[in-house]
């Protein structure tokens, strides 16, 4: 009898666990260059996947529920009652985390944001 698949052994020495200092981590995205973006209540954190090391942190908000990195390096953040706004807020930050756009919608809940194939949110 032939086996259809070969068994691959995982290298557990490459596993890592890193606490995310922001509460309510909800969103993850592979963003290239060996990094992962983790969205949490106060903003986001970026980690080097190979090392499990924090490489960037943005923790100046409250109420963040979703985070997405854009191909141009900007970051889209969505949340509810983010300071300075009432309702569902979508922020666009440039690569240095400066706000370049803000949209506010009526409502009290947003879980995730994703783009369409046309690049719309």
C-alpha atoms as a PDB file:
ATOM      1  CA  UNK A   1       0.000   0.000   0.000  1.00  0.00           C
ATOM      2  CA  UNK A   2       1.351   3.433  -0.940  1.00  0.00           C
ATOM      3  CA  UNK A   3       1.015   6.499   1.203  1.00  0.00           C
ATOM      4  CA  UNK A   4      -0.365   9.494  -0.585  1.00  0.00           C
ATOM      5  CA  UNK A   5       1.472  12.072   1.430  1.00  0.00           C
ATOM      6  CA  UNK A   6       4.829  12.285   3.107  1.00  0.00           C
ATOM      7  CA  UNK A   7       5.004  13.335   6.698  1.00  0.00           C
ATOM      8  CA  UNK A   8       6.814  16.588   7.333  1.00  0.00           C
ATOM      9  CA  UNK A   9       8.218  17.275  10.733  1.00  0.00           C
ATOM     10  CA  UNK A  10       7.678  20.770  12.065  1.00  0.00           C
ATOM     11  CA  UNK A  11      10.653  22.637  13.466  1.00  0.00           C
ATOM     12  CA  UNK A  12       9.356  23.681  16.884  1.00  0.00           C
ATOM     13  CA  UNK A  13      12.499  25.739  17.512  1.00  0.00           C
ATOM     14  CA  UNK A  14      10.978  28.321  15.156  1.00  0.00           C
ATOM     15  CA  UNK A  15       7.777  28.655  17.186  1.00  0.00           C
ATOM     16  CA  UNK A  16       7.358  31.760  19.300  1.00  0.00           C
ATOM     17  CA  UNK A  17       4.835  33.297  21.619  1.00  0.00           C
ATOM     18  CA  UNK A  18       4.885  37.035  22.173  1.00  0.00           C
ATOM     19  CA  UNK A  19       2.379  38.856  24.343  1.00  0.00           C
ATOM     20  CA  UNK A  20       0.565  41.645  22.520  1.00  0.00           C
ATOM     21  CA  UNK A  21       0.380  44.554  24.925  1.00  0.00           C
ATOM     22  CA  UNK A  22      -2.830  45.849  23.354  1.00  0.00           C
ATOM     23  CA  UNK A  23      -6.065  44.245  24.593  1.00  0.00           C
ATOM     24  CA  UNK A  24      -8.588  42.613  22.263  1.00  0.00           C
ATOM     25  CA  UNK A  25      -6.276  41.570  19.457  1.00  0.00           C
ATOM     26  CA  UNK A  26      -8.712  40.821  16.652  1.00  0.00           C
ATOM     27  CA  UNK A  27      -7.134  41.210  13.257  1.00  0.00           C
ATOM     28  CA  UNK A  28      -4.027  39.800  11.553  1.00  0.00           C
ATOM     29  CA  UNK A  29      -2.477  40.395   8.165  1.00  0.00           C
ATOM     30  CA  UNK A  30       0.745  39.215   6.567  1.00  0.00           C
ATOM     31  CA  UNK A  31       2.248  42.462   5.253  1.00  0.00           C
ATOM     32  CA  UNK A  32       5.397  41.294   3.474  1.00  0.00           C
ATOM     33  CA  UNK A  33       9.071  41.565   4.359  1.00  0.00           C
ATOM     34  CA  UNK A  34       8.583  38.739   6.861  1.00  0.00           C
ATOM     35  CA  UNK A  35       6.179  40.746   9.034  1.00  0.00           C
ATOM     36  CA  UNK A  36       2.709  40.290  10.462  1.00  0.00           C
ATOM     37  CA  UNK A  37       0.368  43.129  11.447  1.00  0.00           C
ATOM     38  CA  UNK A  38      -1.803  42.592  14.536  1.00  0.00           C
ATOM     39  CA  UNK A  39      -4.684  44.981  15.188  1.00  0.00           C
ATOM     40  CA  UNK A  40      -5.833  45.547  18.768  1.00  0.00           C
ATOM     41  CA  UNK A  41      -7.989  47.905  20.838  1.00  0.00           C
ATOM     42  CA  UNK A  42      -5.349  50.680  20.954  1.00  0.00           C
ATOM     43  CA  UNK A  43      -4.066  50.457  17.361  1.00  0.00           C
ATOM     44  CA  UNK A  44      -1.648  47.899  15.964  1.00  0.00           C
ATOM     45  CA  UNK A  45       1.645  46.090  16.386  1.00  0.00           C
ATOM     46  CA  UNK A  46       4.005  44.653  13.759  1.00  0.00           C
ATOM     47  CA  UNK A  47       6.133  41.602  14.427  1.00  0.00           C
ATOM     48  CA  UNK A  48       9.058  40.007  12.612  1.00  0.00           C
ATOM     49  CA  UNK A  49       7.757  36.505  11.919  1.00  0.00           C
ATOM     50  CA  UNK A  50      11.118  34.711  11.933  1.00  0.00           C
ATOM     51  CA  UNK A  51      12.230  36.203  15.246  1.00  0.00           C
ATOM     52  CA  UNK A  52       8.903  36.830  16.976  1.00  0.00           C
ATOM     53  CA  UNK A  53      10.145  40.323  17.732  1.00  0.00           C
ATOM     54  CA  UNK A  54       8.065  43.495  17.919  1.00  0.00           C
ATOM     55  CA  UNK A  55       9.304  45.879  15.202  1.00  0.00           C
ATOM     56  CA  UNK A  56       6.684  48.646  15.281  1.00  0.00           C
ATOM     57  CA  UNK A  57       3.870  49.704  17.542  1.00  0.00           C
ATOM     58  CA  UNK A  58       1.060  52.249  17.222  1.00  0.00           C
ATOM     59  CA  UNK A  59      -0.957  52.459  20.449  1.00  0.00           C
ATOM     60  CA  UNK A  60      -2.563  55.908  20.647  1.00  0.00           C
ATOM     61  CA  UNK A  61      -6.251  55.121  20.065  1.00  0.00           C
ATOM     62  CA  UNK A  62      -9.098  53.315  21.775  1.00  0.00           C
ATOM     63  CA  UNK A  63     -11.907  51.343  20.204  1.00  0.00           C
ATOM     64  CA  UNK A  64      -9.960  49.862  17.259  1.00  0.00           C
ATOM     65  CA  UNK A  65     -11.472  46.665  15.881  1.00  0.00           C
ATOM     66  CA  UNK A  66      -9.809  46.232  12.475  1.00  0.00           C
ATOM     67  CA  UNK A  67      -6.517  47.147  10.814  1.00  0.00           C
ATOM     68  CA  UNK A  68      -5.351  46.634   7.208  1.00  0.00           C
ATOM     69  CA  UNK A  69      -2.052  47.605   5.572  1.00  0.00           C
ATOM     70  CA  UNK A  70      -2.389  48.950   2.049  1.00  0.00           C
ATOM     71  CA  UNK A  71      -0.045  48.287  -0.881  1.00  0.00           C
ATOM     72  CA  UNK A  72       1.135  51.929  -0.701  1.00  0.00           C
ATOM     73  CA  UNK A  73       2.244  51.489   2.942  1.00  0.00           C
ATOM     74  CA  UNK A  74      -0.730  53.300   4.434  1.00  0.00           C
ATOM     75  CA  UNK A  75      -2.745  51.664   7.218  1.00  0.00           C
ATOM     76  CA  UNK A  76      -6.528  51.604   7.424  1.00  0.00           C
ATOM     77  CA  UNK A  77      -7.941  51.488  10.957  1.00  0.00           C
ATOM     78  CA  UNK A  78     -11.615  50.996  11.835  1.00  0.00           C
ATOM     79  CA  UNK A  79     -13.296  51.247  15.199  1.00  0.00           C
ATOM     80  CA  UNK A  80     -16.173  52.624  17.213  1.00  0.00           C
ATOM     81  CA  UNK A  81     -16.085  55.907  19.117  1.00  0.00           C
ATOM     82  CA  UNK A  82     -12.408  56.413  18.398  1.00  0.00           C
ATOM     83  CA  UNK A  83     -11.355  59.567  20.278  1.00  0.00           C
ATOM     84  CA  UNK A  84     -12.590  62.642  18.462  1.00  0.00           C
ATOM     85  CA  UNK A  85     -15.448  60.819  16.720  1.00  0.00           C
ATOM     86  CA  UNK A  86     -18.783  59.267  17.602  1.00  0.00           C
ATOM     87  CA  UNK A  87     -19.879  56.236  15.604  1.00  0.00           C
ATOM     88  CA  UNK A  88     -17.994  53.926  13.281  1.00  0.00           C
ATOM     89  CA  UNK A  89     -14.744  55.580  12.222  1.00  0.00           C
ATOM     90  CA  UNK A  90     -12.380  54.582   9.425  1.00  0.00           C
ATOM     91  CA  UNK A  91      -8.962  56.239   9.497  1.00  0.00           C
ATOM     92  CA  UNK A  92      -6.229  56.160   6.903  1.00  0.00           C
ATOM     93  CA  UNK A  93      -2.721  56.665   8.255  1.00  0.00           C
ATOM     94  CA  UNK A  94       0.347  57.236   6.100  1.00  0.00           C
ATOM     95  CA  UNK A  95       3.522  55.164   6.537  1.00  0.00           C
ATOM     96  CA  UNK A  96       4.598  57.407   9.434  1.00  0.00           C
ATOM     97  CA  UNK A  97       1.166  57.012  11.120  1.00  0.00           C
ATOM     98  CA  UNK A  98      -0.017  60.524  10.332  1.00  0.00           C
ATOM     99  CA  UNK A  99      -3.765  60.698   9.680  1.00  0.00           C
ATOM    100  CA  UNK A 100      -4.486  61.498   6.030  1.00  0.00           C
ATOM    101  CA  UNK A 101      -8.207  60.690   5.876  1.00  0.00           C
ATOM    102  CA  UNK A 102     -11.111  60.121   8.252  1.00  0.00           C
ATOM    103  CA  UNK A 103     -14.634  58.879   7.505  1.00  0.00           C
ATOM    104  CA  UNK A 104     -17.340  58.634  10.170  1.00  0.00           C
ATOM    105  CA  UNK A 105     -20.505  56.581   9.807  1.00  0.00           C
ATOM    106  CA  UNK A 106     -23.519  56.225  12.110  1.00  0.00           C
ATOM    107  CA  UNK A 107     -23.470  53.019  14.106  1.00  0.00           C
ATOM    108  CA  UNK A 108     -22.090  51.325  17.157  1.00  0.00           C
ATOM    109  CA  UNK A 109     -20.390  48.203  15.798  1.00  0.00           C
ATOM    110  CA  UNK A 110     -17.743  47.286  13.250  1.00  0.00           C
ATOM    111  CA  UNK A 111     -15.893  43.970  13.314  1.00  0.00           C
ATOM    112  CA  UNK A 112     -13.707  43.806  10.203  1.00  0.00           C
ATOM    113  CA  UNK A 113     -12.892  45.816   7.119  1.00  0.00           C
ATOM    114  CA  UNK A 114     -11.715  44.339   3.851  1.00  0.00           C
ATOM    115  CA  UNK A 115     -11.185  45.686   0.372  1.00  0.00           C
ATOM    116  CA  UNK A 116     -12.980  44.747  -2.782  1.00  0.00           C
ATOM    117  CA  UNK A 117     -11.008  43.615  -5.818  1.00  0.00           C
ATOM    118  CA  UNK A 118     -11.234  47.237  -7.011  1.00  0.00           C
ATOM    119  CA  UNK A 119      -9.437  48.412  -3.856  1.00  0.00           C
ATOM    120  CA  UNK A 120     -12.517  49.911  -2.205  1.00  0.00           C
ATOM    121  CA  UNK A 121     -13.253  49.493   1.475  1.00  0.00           C
END
